[in-house]
Amino acid sequence: VRQQYESVATKNLQEAEEWYKSK
């Protein structure tokens, strides 16, 4: 469960960075 959570957190962080750069 922890590994899955970290995987999702990393994915969300990458998406947030891309979203921020796209604005």
PDB file of N, CA and C in Angstrom:
ATOM      1  N   VAL A   1       0.849  -1.199   0.000  1.00  0.00           N
ATOM      2  CA  VAL A   1       0.000   0.000   0.000  1.00  0.00           C
ATOM      3  C   VAL A   1       0.880   1.243   0.000  1.00  0.00           C
ATOM      4  N   ARG A   2       1.926   1.241   0.817  1.00  0.00           N
ATOM      5  CA  ARG A   2       2.786   2.425   0.875  1.00  0.00           C
ATOM      6  C   ARG A   2       3.460   2.664  -0.476  1.00  0.00           C
ATOM      7  N   GLN A   3       3.919   1.592  -1.088  1.00  0.00           N
ATOM      8  CA  GLN A   3       4.596   1.752  -2.376  1.00  0.00           C
ATOM      9  C   GLN A   3       3.630   2.328  -3.414  1.00  0.00           C
ATOM     10  N   GLN A   4       2.391   1.851  -3.359  1.00  0.00           N
ATOM     11  CA  GLN A   4       1.393   2.357  -4.302  1.00  0.00           C
ATOM     12  C   GLN A   4       1.138   3.839  -4.051  1.00  0.00           C
ATOM     13  N   TYR A   5       1.063   4.211  -2.774  1.00  0.00           N
ATOM     14  CA  TYR A   5       0.810   5.613  -2.428  1.00  0.00           C
ATOM     15  C   TYR A   5       1.960   6.497  -2.920  1.00  0.00           C
ATOM     16  N   GLU A   6       3.178   6.042  -2.728  1.00  0.00           N
ATOM     17  CA  GLU A   6       4.333   6.829  -3.172  1.00  0.00           C
ATOM     18  C   GLU A   6       4.325   6.957  -4.692  1.00  0.00           C
ATOM     19  N   SER A   7       3.912   5.878  -5.370  1.00  0.00           N
ATOM     20  CA  SER A   7       3.852   5.916  -6.825  1.00  0.00           C
ATOM     21  C   SER A   7       2.833   6.950  -7.285  1.00  0.00           C
ATOM     22  N   VAL A   8       1.682   6.958  -6.638  1.00  0.00           N
ATOM     23  CA  VAL A   8       0.637   7.920  -6.997  1.00  0.00           C
ATOM     24  C   VAL A   8       1.093   9.335  -6.669  1.00  0.00           C
ATOM     25  N   ALA A   9       1.747   9.518  -5.539  1.00  0.00           N
ATOM     26  CA  ALA A   9       2.212  10.845  -5.137  1.00  0.00           C
ATOM     27  C   ALA A   9       3.222  11.372  -6.155  1.00  0.00           C
ATOM     28  N   THR A  10       4.102  10.511  -6.615  1.00  0.00           N
ATOM     29  CA  THR A  10       5.096  10.937  -7.600  1.00  0.00           C
ATOM     30  C   THR A  10       4.413  11.321  -8.903  1.00  0.00           C
ATOM     31  N   LYS A  11       3.437  10.525  -9.306  1.00  0.00           N
ATOM     32  CA  LYS A  11       2.708  10.812 -10.536  1.00  0.00           C
ATOM     33  C   LYS A  11       1.988  12.148 -10.415  1.00  0.00           C
ATOM     34  N   ASN A  12       1.360  12.378  -9.289  1.00  0.00           N
ATOM     35  CA  ASN A  12       0.635  13.631  -9.093  1.00  0.00           C
ATOM     36  C   ASN A  12       1.598  14.811  -9.104  1.00  0.00           C
ATOM     37  N   LEU A  13       2.777  14.631  -8.528  1.00  0.00           N
ATOM     38  CA  LEU A  13       3.755  15.711  -8.494  1.00  0.00           C
ATOM     39  C   LEU A  13       4.200  16.056  -9.912  1.00  0.00           C
ATOM     40  N   GLN A  14       4.450  15.041 -10.722  1.00  0.00           N
ATOM     41  CA  GLN A  14       4.873  15.279 -12.095  1.00  0.00           C
ATOM     42  C   GLN A  14       3.776  15.990 -12.875  1.00  0.00           C
ATOM     43  N   GLU A  15       2.531  15.564 -12.664  1.00  0.00           N
ATOM     44  CA  GLU A  15       1.420  16.204 -13.365  1.00  0.00           C
ATOM     45  C   GLU A  15       1.277  17.652 -12.915  1.00  0.00           C
ATOM     46  N   ALA A  16       1.475  17.898 -11.626  1.00  0.00           N
ATOM     47  CA  ALA A  16       1.358  19.258 -11.104  1.00  0.00           C
ATOM     48  C   ALA A  16       2.434  20.144 -11.716  1.00  0.00           C
ATOM     49  N   GLU A  17       3.632  19.621 -11.869  1.00  0.00           N
ATOM     50  CA  GLU A  17       4.716  20.408 -12.458  1.00  0.00           C
ATOM     51  C   GLU A  17       4.401  20.724 -13.918  1.00  0.00           C
ATOM     52  N   GLU A  18       3.889  19.733 -14.644  1.00  0.00           N
ATOM     53  CA  GLU A  18       3.557  19.963 -16.047  1.00  0.00           C
ATOM     54  C   GLU A  18       2.431  20.980 -16.160  1.00  0.00           C
ATOM     55  N   TRP A  19       1.445  20.874 -15.264  1.00  0.00           N
ATOM     56  CA  TRP A  19       0.310  21.806 -15.283  1.00  0.00           C
ATOM     57  C   TRP A  19       0.795  23.221 -14.983  1.00  0.00           C
ATOM     58  N   TYR A  20       1.694  23.337 -14.031  1.00  0.00           N
ATOM     59  CA  TYR A  20       2.208  24.660 -13.654  1.00  0.00           C
ATOM     60  C   TYR A  20       3.001  25.272 -14.808  1.00  0.00           C
ATOM     61  N   LYS A  21       3.802  24.447 -15.476  1.00  0.00           N
ATOM     62  CA  LYS A  21       4.616  24.950 -16.583  1.00  0.00           C
ATOM     63  C   LYS A  21       3.733  25.342 -17.768  1.00  0.00           C
ATOM     64  N   SER A  22       2.614  24.653 -17.928  1.00  0.00           N
ATOM     65  CA  SER A  22       1.762  24.907 -19.090  1.00  0.00           C
ATOM     66  C   SER A  22       0.968  26.197 -18.927  1.00  0.00           C
ATOM     67  N   LYS A  23       0.911  26.737 -17.724  1.00  0.00           N
ATOM     68  CA  LYS A  23       0.125  27.956 -17.505  1.00  0.00           C
ATOM     69  C   LYS A  23       0.972  29.197 -17.794  1.00  0.00           C
TER      70      LYS A  23
END
